[in-house]
C-alpha cells in the first residue's frame, strides 16, 4: 500500500475515534435514552451495561485519538463490536414488537460500523513493510573501552535486555538471536556485524531470510566532563506480526521504545554495579510491564 493510503487509513481511524468519543459521552450521560432507542429498556441489566459500554467507547477514543499511527488500534473496536453484536443478537431473539424492531435496526447499524472498523484494522495491519525505528541514549559511568567491550561480547546482552532469551556467537561476526515474541512465542533469527570500530561503534543487520528483519547500531562516545561514556542506540525492525503486533504490545504495557530505555537503564546498572538492581516492588522479574510497578530501591537498614 502507498504512504498516501496509510495516511487515509489513519484519518479514518481518527474519525472512528471521534465517533467513539461521542458515543461514550452519550451512553454515560443518557443511558436510559440509549437503552430505549436500542429496544432494551425493559432489561434491568441495561442500566449497568450501557454505561460500561460508554466507558469502553471512551477508551477506544483515547487510544485512537492519542496514537501517532491509530489504524492498527482499530482492532480494539472490532473486538468491542463483536461483543456488542452478541448482546444485540440475544436482544433481538428475546423481544417482540417495537422493541425487537429497534434492536434489529441497531444491530444492522453495528454490522455496518463493524465493517468499517474491520477494514481500518486490516489496512493498518498490512504495514509489515514499515519498519519500527527506536532510539535511546544513556550515560554510563565507566571508561568507553570497558563499555564497548562488554557490549561487543553479544552473549552478555540477555543480562540486561528483558525480552532477549539468548544470543549465541557463531563465528565470522555472525550470531543467533532468540527473543520472547508475541503470545509467549519465541522468535529467532541470525545477524551479522557489518561495522565494528573498537571503542566507537558496533553496527549489524539480520541476514537475508531471517524471521525478523532488523538492523541497528550502538555508538560509544566520551561523556562531557569526564563523566564516563555516552551510549547511543538506534534500532530498526519489522514487527513479526506487523504494526498491529506493536499496537497490542503497547496495549499490554510492552511499548518497544520503553523497553529499549529500560534495557539501557539495566545496562547502566550492570556496568556500574555489576548487577541489575531489583526493587522490592518487583520481585518476580524484569518484564517491561512490571517496571511500571517498581519503586526506587531503598538502602539496606
C-alpha atoms as a PDB file:
ATOM      1  CA  UNK A   1       0.000   0.000   0.000  1.00  0.00           C
ATOM      2  CA  UNK A   2       1.120   3.566  -0.670  1.00  0.00           C
ATOM      3  CA  UNK A   3       2.005   6.049   2.035  1.00  0.00           C
ATOM      4  CA  UNK A   4      -0.984   8.150   0.987  1.00  0.00           C
ATOM      5  CA  UNK A   5      -3.287   5.171   1.552  1.00  0.00           C
ATOM      6  CA  UNK A   6      -1.787   4.671   5.012  1.00  0.00           C
ATOM      7  CA  UNK A   7      -2.457   8.316   5.832  1.00  0.00           C
ATOM      8  CA  UNK A   8      -6.069   7.977   4.681  1.00  0.00           C
ATOM      9  CA  UNK A   9      -6.470   4.878   6.839  1.00  0.00           C
ATOM     10  CA  UNK A  10      -5.109   6.748   9.846  1.00  0.00           C
ATOM     11  CA  UNK A  11      -7.512   9.613   9.180  1.00  0.00           C
ATOM     12  CA  UNK A  12     -10.380   7.106   9.057  1.00  0.00           C
ATOM     13  CA  UNK A  13      -9.189   5.598  12.339  1.00  0.00           C
ATOM     14  CA  UNK A  14      -9.183   9.038  13.966  1.00  0.00           C
ATOM     15  CA  UNK A  15     -12.704   9.644  12.671  1.00  0.00           C
ATOM     16  CA  UNK A  16     -13.719   6.400  14.340  1.00  0.00           C
ATOM     17  CA  UNK A  17     -12.054   7.694  17.494  1.00  0.00           C
ATOM     18  CA  UNK A  18     -14.201  10.817  17.429  1.00  0.00           C
ATOM     19  CA  UNK A  19     -17.232   8.585  16.881  1.00  0.00           C
ATOM     20  CA  UNK A  20     -16.288   6.544  19.937  1.00  0.00           C
ATOM     21  CA  UNK A  21     -15.905   9.742  21.933  1.00  0.00           C
ATOM     22  CA  UNK A  22     -19.415  10.887  21.001  1.00  0.00           C
ATOM     23  CA  UNK A  23     -20.978   7.502  21.682  1.00  0.00           C
ATOM     24  CA  UNK A  24     -19.190   7.192  25.001  1.00  0.00           C
ATOM     25  CA  UNK A  25     -20.380  10.582  26.207  1.00  0.00           C
ATOM     26  CA  UNK A  26     -23.995   9.857  25.172  1.00  0.00           C
ATOM     27  CA  UNK A  27     -24.018   6.419  26.787  1.00  0.00           C
ATOM     28  CA  UNK A  28     -22.687   7.812  30.047  1.00  0.00           C
ATOM     29  CA  UNK A  29     -24.896  10.909  30.202  1.00  0.00           C
ATOM     30  CA  UNK A  30     -28.136   9.471  28.786  1.00  0.00           C
ATOM     31  CA  UNK A  31     -28.088   5.698  29.356  1.00  0.00           C
ATOM     32  CA  UNK A  32     -31.880   5.419  29.625  1.00  0.00           C
ATOM     33  CA  UNK A  33     -32.403   7.083  26.245  1.00  0.00           C
ATOM     34  CA  UNK A  34     -29.819   4.794  24.649  1.00  0.00           C
ATOM     35  CA  UNK A  35     -31.484   1.730  26.172  1.00  0.00           C
ATOM     36  CA  UNK A  36     -34.895   2.849  24.898  1.00  0.00           C
ATOM     37  CA  UNK A  37     -33.544   3.529  21.395  1.00  0.00           C
ATOM     38  CA  UNK A  38     -31.929   0.089  21.339  1.00  0.00           C
ATOM     39  CA  UNK A  39     -35.132  -1.621  22.494  1.00  0.00           C
ATOM     40  CA  UNK A  40     -33.556  -2.997  25.679  1.00  0.00           C
ATOM     41  CA  UNK A  41     -35.082  -0.577  28.173  1.00  0.00           C
ATOM     42  CA  UNK A  42     -37.107  -3.458  29.630  1.00  0.00           C
ATOM     43  CA  UNK A  43     -33.937  -5.123  30.906  1.00  0.00           C
ATOM     44  CA  UNK A  44     -32.580  -4.241  34.362  1.00  0.00           C
ATOM     45  CA  UNK A  45     -29.096  -5.081  33.061  1.00  0.00           C
ATOM     46  CA  UNK A  46     -29.289  -2.186  30.601  1.00  0.00           C
ATOM     47  CA  UNK A  47     -28.741   0.301  33.431  1.00  0.00           C
ATOM     48  CA  UNK A  48     -25.349  -1.289  34.055  1.00  0.00           C
ATOM     49  CA  UNK A  49     -24.385  -2.426  30.569  1.00  0.00           C
ATOM     50  CA  UNK A  50     -24.961   0.840  28.683  1.00  0.00           C
ATOM     51  CA  UNK A  51     -22.626   2.960  30.900  1.00  0.00           C
ATOM     52  CA  UNK A  52     -19.994   0.225  30.806  1.00  0.00           C
ATOM     53  CA  UNK A  53     -20.110   0.241  27.019  1.00  0.00           C
ATOM     54  CA  UNK A  54     -19.766   4.014  27.218  1.00  0.00           C
ATOM     55  CA  UNK A  55     -16.582   3.677  29.257  1.00  0.00           C
ATOM     56  CA  UNK A  56     -15.243   1.210  26.711  1.00  0.00           C
ATOM     57  CA  UNK A  57     -16.004   3.621  23.866  1.00  0.00           C
ATOM     58  CA  UNK A  58     -14.140   6.384  25.668  1.00  0.00           C
ATOM     59  CA  UNK A  59     -11.126   4.076  25.993  1.00  0.00           C
ATOM     60  CA  UNK A  60     -11.278   3.434  22.246  1.00  0.00           C
ATOM     61  CA  UNK A  61     -11.365   7.192  21.678  1.00  0.00           C
ATOM     62  CA  UNK A  62      -8.346   7.771  23.915  1.00  0.00           C
ATOM     63  CA  UNK A  63      -6.296   5.181  22.051  1.00  0.00           C
ATOM     64  CA  UNK A  64      -7.314   6.150  18.518  1.00  0.00           C
ATOM     65  CA  UNK A  65      -7.014   9.899  19.042  1.00  0.00           C
ATOM     66  CA  UNK A  66      -3.826   9.694  21.080  1.00  0.00           C
ATOM     67  CA  UNK A  67      -1.813   7.406  18.801  1.00  0.00           C
ATOM     68  CA  UNK A  68       0.517   8.647  16.070  1.00  0.00           C
ATOM     69  CA  UNK A  69      -0.428   5.592  13.984  1.00  0.00           C
ATOM     70  CA  UNK A  70      -4.005   4.847  15.063  1.00  0.00           C
ATOM     71  CA  UNK A  71      -5.163   2.437  12.338  1.00  0.00           C
ATOM     72  CA  UNK A  72      -3.873  -0.812  13.966  1.00  0.00           C
ATOM     73  CA  UNK A  73      -5.696   0.155  17.169  1.00  0.00           C
ATOM     74  CA  UNK A  74      -8.992  -0.278  15.300  1.00  0.00           C
ATOM     75  CA  UNK A  75      -8.738  -3.958  16.249  1.00  0.00           C
ATOM     76  CA  UNK A  76      -9.832  -2.934  19.743  1.00  0.00           C
ATOM     77  CA  UNK A  77     -13.040  -1.549  18.228  1.00  0.00           C
ATOM     78  CA  UNK A  78     -13.534  -4.757  16.230  1.00  0.00           C
ATOM     79  CA  UNK A  79     -13.337  -6.737  19.465  1.00  0.00           C
ATOM     80  CA  UNK A  80     -15.893  -4.405  21.058  1.00  0.00           C
ATOM     81  CA  UNK A  81     -18.158  -4.705  18.009  1.00  0.00           C
ATOM     82  CA  UNK A  82     -18.129  -8.496  18.309  1.00  0.00           C
ATOM     83  CA  UNK A  83     -19.275  -8.229  21.914  1.00  0.00           C
ATOM     84  CA  UNK A  84     -21.971  -5.709  21.016  1.00  0.00           C
ATOM     85  CA  UNK A  85     -23.291  -7.906  18.193  1.00  0.00           C
ATOM     86  CA  UNK A  86     -23.500 -10.881  20.535  1.00  0.00           C
ATOM     87  CA  UNK A  87     -25.534  -8.908  23.077  1.00  0.00           C
ATOM     88  CA  UNK A  88     -27.759  -7.338  20.417  1.00  0.00           C
ATOM     89  CA  UNK A  89     -28.364 -10.720  18.785  1.00  0.00           C
ATOM     90  CA  UNK A  90     -29.678 -12.033  22.091  1.00  0.00           C
ATOM     91  CA  UNK A  91     -31.819  -8.912  22.462  1.00  0.00           C
ATOM     92  CA  UNK A  92     -33.422  -9.402  19.042  1.00  0.00           C
ATOM     93  CA  UNK A  93     -34.126 -13.073  19.756  1.00  0.00           C
ATOM     94  CA  UNK A  94     -35.752 -12.379  23.132  1.00  0.00           C
ATOM     95  CA  UNK A  95     -38.023  -9.487  22.176  1.00  0.00           C
ATOM     96  CA  UNK A  96     -41.150  -8.844  20.143  1.00  0.00           C
ATOM     97  CA  UNK A  97     -42.946  -5.876  18.656  1.00  0.00           C
ATOM     98  CA  UNK A  98     -41.371  -2.439  18.513  1.00  0.00           C
ATOM     99  CA  UNK A  99     -38.530  -3.384  20.870  1.00  0.00           C
ATOM    100  CA  UNK A 100     -37.468  -6.169  18.536  1.00  0.00           C
ATOM    101  CA  UNK A 101     -37.594  -3.853  15.535  1.00  0.00           C
ATOM    102  CA  UNK A 102     -35.445  -1.242  17.308  1.00  0.00           C
ATOM    103  CA  UNK A 103     -32.941  -3.856  18.442  1.00  0.00           C
ATOM    104  CA  UNK A 104     -32.759  -5.216  14.879  1.00  0.00           C
ATOM    105  CA  UNK A 105     -32.175  -1.714  13.464  1.00  0.00           C
ATOM    106  CA  UNK A 106     -29.378  -1.027  15.941  1.00  0.00           C
ATOM    107  CA  UNK A 107     -27.864  -4.439  15.160  1.00  0.00           C
ATOM    108  CA  UNK A 108     -27.831  -3.602  11.443  1.00  0.00           C
ATOM    109  CA  UNK A 109     -26.134  -0.274  12.197  1.00  0.00           C
ATOM    110  CA  UNK A 110     -23.492  -2.002  14.316  1.00  0.00           C
ATOM    111  CA  UNK A 111     -22.869  -4.511  11.494  1.00  0.00           C
ATOM    112  CA  UNK A 112     -22.113  -1.585   9.188  1.00  0.00           C
ATOM    113  CA  UNK A 113     -19.823   0.038  11.746  1.00  0.00           C
ATOM    114  CA  UNK A 114     -18.062  -3.299  12.268  1.00  0.00           C
ATOM    115  CA  UNK A 115     -17.334  -3.500   8.545  1.00  0.00           C
ATOM    116  CA  UNK A 116     -15.674  -0.070   8.654  1.00  0.00           C
ATOM    117  CA  UNK A 117     -13.722  -0.958  11.806  1.00  0.00           C
ATOM    118  CA  UNK A 118     -12.560  -4.233  10.269  1.00  0.00           C
ATOM    119  CA  UNK A 119     -11.480  -2.543   7.054  1.00  0.00           C
ATOM    120  CA  UNK A 120      -9.478   0.035   9.008  1.00  0.00           C
ATOM    121  CA  UNK A 121      -7.857  -2.572  11.222  1.00  0.00           C
ATOM    122  CA  UNK A 122      -6.884  -4.850   8.329  1.00  0.00           C
ATOM    123  CA  UNK A 123      -5.391  -1.951   6.342  1.00  0.00           C
ATOM    124  CA  UNK A 124      -3.459  -0.843   9.410  1.00  0.00           C
ATOM    125  CA  UNK A 125      -2.107  -4.367   9.931  1.00  0.00           C
ATOM    126  CA  UNK A 126      -0.740  -4.588   6.392  1.00  0.00           C
ATOM    127  CA  UNK A 127       2.153  -2.288   7.212  1.00  0.00           C
ATOM    128  CA  UNK A 128       4.528  -5.185   7.514  1.00  0.00           C
ATOM    129  CA  UNK A 129       6.932  -3.354   5.235  1.00  0.00           C
ATOM    130  CA  UNK A 130       7.040  -0.335   7.551  1.00  0.00           C
ATOM    131  CA  UNK A 131       9.946  -0.563   9.916  1.00  0.00           C
ATOM    132  CA  UNK A 132       9.775   0.471  13.527  1.00  0.00           C
ATOM    133  CA  UNK A 133      12.575   2.873  14.468  1.00  0.00           C
ATOM    134  CA  UNK A 134      13.688   3.149  18.080  1.00  0.00           C
ATOM    135  CA  UNK A 135      16.312   5.473  19.519  1.00  0.00           C
ATOM    136  CA  UNK A 136      17.619   5.865  23.062  1.00  0.00           C
ATOM    137  CA  UNK A 137      20.733   7.006  24.893  1.00  0.00           C
ATOM    138  CA  UNK A 138      22.218   6.812  28.362  1.00  0.00           C
ATOM    139  CA  UNK A 139      25.386   7.872  30.185  1.00  0.00           C
ATOM    140  CA  UNK A 140      27.371   5.111  31.890  1.00  0.00           C
ATOM    141  CA  UNK A 141      29.979   5.999  34.495  1.00  0.00           C
ATOM    142  CA  UNK A 142      32.645   3.698  33.089  1.00  0.00           C
ATOM    143  CA  UNK A 143      35.512   4.153  30.579  1.00  0.00           C
ATOM    144  CA  UNK A 144      34.497   3.954  26.935  1.00  0.00           C
ATOM    145  CA  UNK A 145      36.680   0.908  26.196  1.00  0.00           C
ATOM    146  CA  UNK A 146      35.114  -1.078  29.066  1.00  0.00           C
ATOM    147  CA  UNK A 147      31.590  -0.257  27.913  1.00  0.00           C
ATOM    148  CA  UNK A 148      32.390  -1.118  24.303  1.00  0.00           C
ATOM    149  CA  UNK A 149      33.986  -4.500  25.060  1.00  0.00           C
ATOM    150  CA  UNK A 150      31.154  -5.545  27.372  1.00  0.00           C
ATOM    151  CA  UNK A 151      28.599  -4.859  24.619  1.00  0.00           C
ATOM    152  CA  UNK A 152      30.861  -6.403  21.988  1.00  0.00           C
ATOM    153  CA  UNK A 153      30.504  -9.752  23.739  1.00  0.00           C
ATOM    154  CA  UNK A 154      26.973 -10.265  22.434  1.00  0.00           C
ATOM    155  CA  UNK A 155      26.326 -13.141  24.819  1.00  0.00           C
ATOM    156  CA  UNK A 156      26.235 -10.522  27.621  1.00  0.00           C
ATOM    157  CA  UNK A 157      23.154  -8.832  26.138  1.00  0.00           C
ATOM    158  CA  UNK A 158      20.495 -11.100  27.741  1.00  0.00           C
ATOM    159  CA  UNK A 159      21.783  -9.969  31.151  1.00  0.00           C
ATOM    160  CA  UNK A 160      20.094  -6.602  30.707  1.00  0.00           C
ATOM    161  CA  UNK A 161      17.723  -6.957  27.723  1.00  0.00           C
ATOM    162  CA  UNK A 162      14.475  -8.157  29.254  1.00  0.00           C
ATOM    163  CA  UNK A 163      12.926  -9.797  26.178  1.00  0.00           C
ATOM    164  CA  UNK A 164      16.119 -11.337  24.865  1.00  0.00           C
ATOM    165  CA  UNK A 165      16.362 -15.017  25.772  1.00  0.00           C
ATOM    166  CA  UNK A 166      19.785 -15.742  24.301  1.00  0.00           C
ATOM    167  CA  UNK A 167      22.479 -14.661  21.857  1.00  0.00           C
ATOM    168  CA  UNK A 168      24.976 -17.200  20.592  1.00  0.00           C
ATOM    169  CA  UNK A 169      28.078 -16.174  18.624  1.00  0.00           C
ATOM    170  CA  UNK A 170      28.537 -18.470  15.622  1.00  0.00           C
ATOM    171  CA  UNK A 171      31.789 -17.032  14.208  1.00  0.00           C
ATOM    172  CA  UNK A 172      32.823 -14.577  11.490  1.00  0.00           C
ATOM    173  CA  UNK A 173      30.834 -11.763  13.111  1.00  0.00           C
ATOM    174  CA  UNK A 174      27.615 -13.796  12.971  1.00  0.00           C
ATOM    175  CA  UNK A 175      25.289 -14.601  15.844  1.00  0.00           C
ATOM    176  CA  UNK A 176      21.999 -16.370  16.534  1.00  0.00           C
ATOM    177  CA  UNK A 177      19.330 -14.424  18.452  1.00  0.00           C
ATOM    178  CA  UNK A 178      16.288 -15.708  20.328  1.00  0.00           C
ATOM    179  CA  UNK A 179      13.674 -13.249  21.612  1.00  0.00           C
ATOM    180  CA  UNK A 180      10.420 -13.576  23.512  1.00  0.00           C
ATOM    181  CA  UNK A 181       7.773 -12.765  20.928  1.00  0.00           C
ATOM    182  CA  UNK A 182       4.010 -12.109  20.912  1.00  0.00           C
ATOM    183  CA  UNK A 183       1.668 -14.531  22.706  1.00  0.00           C
ATOM    184  CA  UNK A 184       4.548 -16.175  24.552  1.00  0.00           C
ATOM    185  CA  UNK A 185       6.171 -17.486  21.366  1.00  0.00           C
ATOM    186  CA  UNK A 186       9.903 -17.230  20.721  1.00  0.00           C
ATOM    187  CA  UNK A 187      11.232 -15.530  17.594  1.00  0.00           C
ATOM    188  CA  UNK A 188      14.702 -16.429  16.261  1.00  0.00           C
ATOM    189  CA  UNK A 189      16.998 -15.031  13.590  1.00  0.00           C
ATOM    190  CA  UNK A 190      20.642 -14.721  12.577  1.00  0.00           C
ATOM    191  CA  UNK A 191      22.556 -11.442  12.405  1.00  0.00           C
ATOM    192  CA  UNK A 192      25.948 -10.288  11.203  1.00  0.00           C
ATOM    193  CA  UNK A 193      28.126  -7.372  12.355  1.00  0.00           C
ATOM    194  CA  UNK A 194      28.717  -5.022   9.404  1.00  0.00           C
ATOM    195  CA  UNK A 195      30.803  -2.314  11.114  1.00  0.00           C
ATOM    196  CA  UNK A 196      32.987  -2.725  14.174  1.00  0.00           C
ATOM    197  CA  UNK A 197      35.194   0.125  15.378  1.00  0.00           C
ATOM    198  CA  UNK A 198      36.746  -0.687  18.758  1.00  0.00           C
ATOM    199  CA  UNK A 199      35.641   1.775  21.395  1.00  0.00           C
ATOM    200  CA  UNK A 200      33.396   3.651  18.955  1.00  0.00           C
ATOM    201  CA  UNK A 201      30.732   1.686  17.082  1.00  0.00           C
ATOM    202  CA  UNK A 202      29.053  -1.685  16.594  1.00  0.00           C
ATOM    203  CA  UNK A 203      26.571  -1.992  13.708  1.00  0.00           C
ATOM    204  CA  UNK A 204      24.679  -5.055  12.485  1.00  0.00           C
ATOM    205  CA  UNK A 205      21.801  -6.294  10.398  1.00  0.00           C
ATOM    206  CA  UNK A 206      19.874  -9.546  10.178  1.00  0.00           C
ATOM    207  CA  UNK A 207      20.866 -11.981   7.438  1.00  0.00           C
ATOM    208  CA  UNK A 208      18.666 -12.413   4.387  1.00  0.00           C
ATOM    209  CA  UNK A 209      15.675 -14.641   5.025  1.00  0.00           C
ATOM    210  CA  UNK A 210      15.567 -14.024   8.794  1.00  0.00           C
ATOM    211  CA  UNK A 211      12.213 -14.270  10.571  1.00  0.00           C
ATOM    212  CA  UNK A 212      12.678 -10.710  11.819  1.00  0.00           C
ATOM    213  CA  UNK A 213      14.276  -8.171   9.528  1.00  0.00           C
ATOM    214  CA  UNK A 214      16.275  -5.768  11.686  1.00  0.00           C
ATOM    215  CA  UNK A 215      19.332  -3.569  11.801  1.00  0.00           C
ATOM    216  CA  UNK A 216      20.905  -1.177  14.234  1.00  0.00           C
ATOM    217  CA  UNK A 217      23.959   0.359  15.763  1.00  0.00           C
ATOM    218  CA  UNK A 218      25.445   1.253  19.143  1.00  0.00           C
ATOM    219  CA  UNK A 219      27.766   4.256  19.349  1.00  0.00           C
ATOM    220  CA  UNK A 220      30.113   4.977  22.252  1.00  0.00           C
ATOM    221  CA  UNK A 221      31.381   8.498  22.931  1.00  0.00           C
ATOM    222  CA  UNK A 222      33.119  10.181  25.864  1.00  0.00           C
ATOM    223  CA  UNK A 223      30.648  11.963  28.131  1.00  0.00           C
ATOM    224  CA  UNK A 224      31.332  15.666  28.791  1.00  0.00           C
ATOM    225  CA  UNK A 225      33.394  16.481  31.854  1.00  0.00           C
ATOM    226  CA  UNK A 226      34.914  13.027  32.117  1.00  0.00           C
ATOM    227  CA  UNK A 227      31.643  11.567  33.394  1.00  0.00           C
ATOM    228  CA  UNK A 228      32.065   8.223  31.647  1.00  0.00           C
ATOM    229  CA  UNK A 229      30.553   7.073  28.350  1.00  0.00           C
ATOM    230  CA  UNK A 230      27.501   8.067  26.377  1.00  0.00           C
ATOM    231  CA  UNK A 231      25.813   5.070  24.746  1.00  0.00           C
ATOM    232  CA  UNK A 232      23.594   5.808  21.723  1.00  0.00           C
ATOM    233  CA  UNK A 233      21.343   3.023  20.407  1.00  0.00           C
ATOM    234  CA  UNK A 234      19.492   3.036  17.086  1.00  0.00           C
ATOM    235  CA  UNK A 235      17.254   0.073  16.216  1.00  0.00           C
ATOM    236  CA  UNK A 236      15.147  -0.638  13.141  1.00  0.00           C
ATOM    237  CA  UNK A 237      12.997  -3.747  12.799  1.00  0.00           C
ATOM    238  CA  UNK A 238       9.961  -5.248  11.112  1.00  0.00           C
ATOM    239  CA  UNK A 239       7.432  -6.416  13.729  1.00  0.00           C
ATOM    240  CA  UNK A 240       6.901 -10.207  13.449  1.00  0.00           C
ATOM    241  CA  UNK A 241       3.114  -9.717  13.250  1.00  0.00           C
ATOM    242  CA  UNK A 242       3.076  -6.285  11.641  1.00  0.00           C
ATOM    243  CA  UNK A 243       2.237  -2.923  13.146  1.00  0.00           C
ATOM    244  CA  UNK A 244      -0.799  -4.475  14.858  1.00  0.00           C
ATOM    245  CA  UNK A 245       1.643  -6.511  16.924  1.00  0.00           C
ATOM    246  CA  UNK A 246       3.281  -3.325  18.145  1.00  0.00           C
ATOM    247  CA  UNK A 247      -0.120  -1.799  18.900  1.00  0.00           C
ATOM    248  CA  UNK A 248      -1.262  -4.727  21.006  1.00  0.00           C
ATOM    249  CA  UNK A 249       2.134  -4.890  22.713  1.00  0.00           C
ATOM    250  CA  UNK A 250       1.608  -1.287  23.787  1.00  0.00           C
ATOM    251  CA  UNK A 251      -1.924  -2.155  24.915  1.00  0.00           C
ATOM    252  CA  UNK A 252      -0.455  -4.544  27.485  1.00  0.00           C
ATOM    253  CA  UNK A 253       2.320  -2.200  28.555  1.00  0.00           C
ATOM    254  CA  UNK A 254       5.014  -3.649  26.315  1.00  0.00           C
ATOM    255  CA  UNK A 255       5.918  -0.442  24.474  1.00  0.00           C
ATOM    256  CA  UNK A 256       9.029  -1.219  22.371  1.00  0.00           C
ATOM    257  CA  UNK A 257      10.553   2.239  22.868  1.00  0.00           C
ATOM    258  CA  UNK A 258      10.053   1.990  26.624  1.00  0.00           C
ATOM    259  CA  UNK A 259      11.660  -1.467  26.533  1.00  0.00           C
ATOM    260  CA  UNK A 260      14.808  -0.027  24.944  1.00  0.00           C
ATOM    261  CA  UNK A 261      15.045   2.700  27.582  1.00  0.00           C
ATOM    262  CA  UNK A 262      14.544   0.134  30.345  1.00  0.00           C
ATOM    263  CA  UNK A 263      17.182  -2.131  28.800  1.00  0.00           C
ATOM    264  CA  UNK A 264      19.687   0.740  28.758  1.00  0.00           C
ATOM    265  CA  UNK A 265      18.962   1.548  32.408  1.00  0.00           C
ATOM    266  CA  UNK A 266      19.682  -2.072  33.278  1.00  0.00           C
ATOM    267  CA  UNK A 267      22.862  -1.928  31.168  1.00  0.00           C
ATOM    268  CA  UNK A 268      23.995   1.094  33.179  1.00  0.00           C
ATOM    269  CA  UNK A 269      23.348  -0.802  36.408  1.00  0.00           C
ATOM    270  CA  UNK A 270      25.306  -3.845  35.212  1.00  0.00           C
ATOM    271  CA  UNK A 271      28.275  -1.724  34.139  1.00  0.00           C
ATOM    272  CA  UNK A 272      28.345   0.421  37.281  1.00  0.00           C
ATOM    273  CA  UNK A 273      27.359  -2.087  39.985  1.00  0.00           C
ATOM    274  CA  UNK A 274      27.870  -5.499  38.378  1.00  0.00           C
ATOM    275  CA  UNK A 275      24.208  -6.484  38.532  1.00  0.00           C
ATOM    276  CA  UNK A 276      20.671  -5.370  37.780  1.00  0.00           C
ATOM    277  CA  UNK A 277      19.197  -3.750  40.874  1.00  0.00           C
ATOM    278  CA  UNK A 278      15.839  -5.317  41.698  1.00  0.00           C
ATOM    279  CA  UNK A 279      13.280  -3.210  43.546  1.00  0.00           C
ATOM    280  CA  UNK A 280      11.276  -4.798  46.307  1.00  0.00           C
ATOM    281  CA  UNK A 281       8.256  -3.624  44.302  1.00  0.00           C
ATOM    282  CA  UNK A 282       9.040  -6.107  41.506  1.00  0.00           C
ATOM    283  CA  UNK A 283      10.430  -9.335  42.954  1.00  0.00           C
ATOM    284  CA  UNK A 284       9.077 -11.576  40.198  1.00  0.00           C
ATOM    285  CA  UNK A 285      11.109 -10.484  37.208  1.00  0.00           C
ATOM    286  CA  UNK A 286      12.264  -7.801  34.826  1.00  0.00           C
ATOM    287  CA  UNK A 287       9.480  -7.730  32.223  1.00  0.00           C
ATOM    288  CA  UNK A 288       8.826  -4.205  30.997  1.00  0.00           C
ATOM    289  CA  UNK A 289       5.208  -4.404  32.115  1.00  0.00           C
ATOM    290  CA  UNK A 290       6.485  -4.883  35.681  1.00  0.00           C
ATOM    291  CA  UNK A 291       8.902  -1.970  35.543  1.00  0.00           C
ATOM    292  CA  UNK A 292       5.997   0.452  35.875  1.00  0.00           C
ATOM    293  CA  UNK A 293       5.194  -1.147  39.219  1.00  0.00           C
ATOM    294  CA  UNK A 294       8.703  -0.728  40.598  1.00  0.00           C
ATOM    295  CA  UNK A 295       9.609   1.630  43.394  1.00  0.00           C
ATOM    296  CA  UNK A 296      13.102   3.054  43.842  1.00  0.00           C
ATOM    297  CA  UNK A 297      15.338   0.594  45.665  1.00  0.00           C
ATOM    298  CA  UNK A 298      15.890   1.513  49.302  1.00  0.00           C
ATOM    299  CA  UNK A 299      19.222   1.245  51.169  1.00  0.00           C
ATOM    300  CA  UNK A 300      19.609  -1.758  53.448  1.00  0.00           C
ATOM    301  CA  UNK A 301      18.945  -0.770  57.078  1.00  0.00           C
END
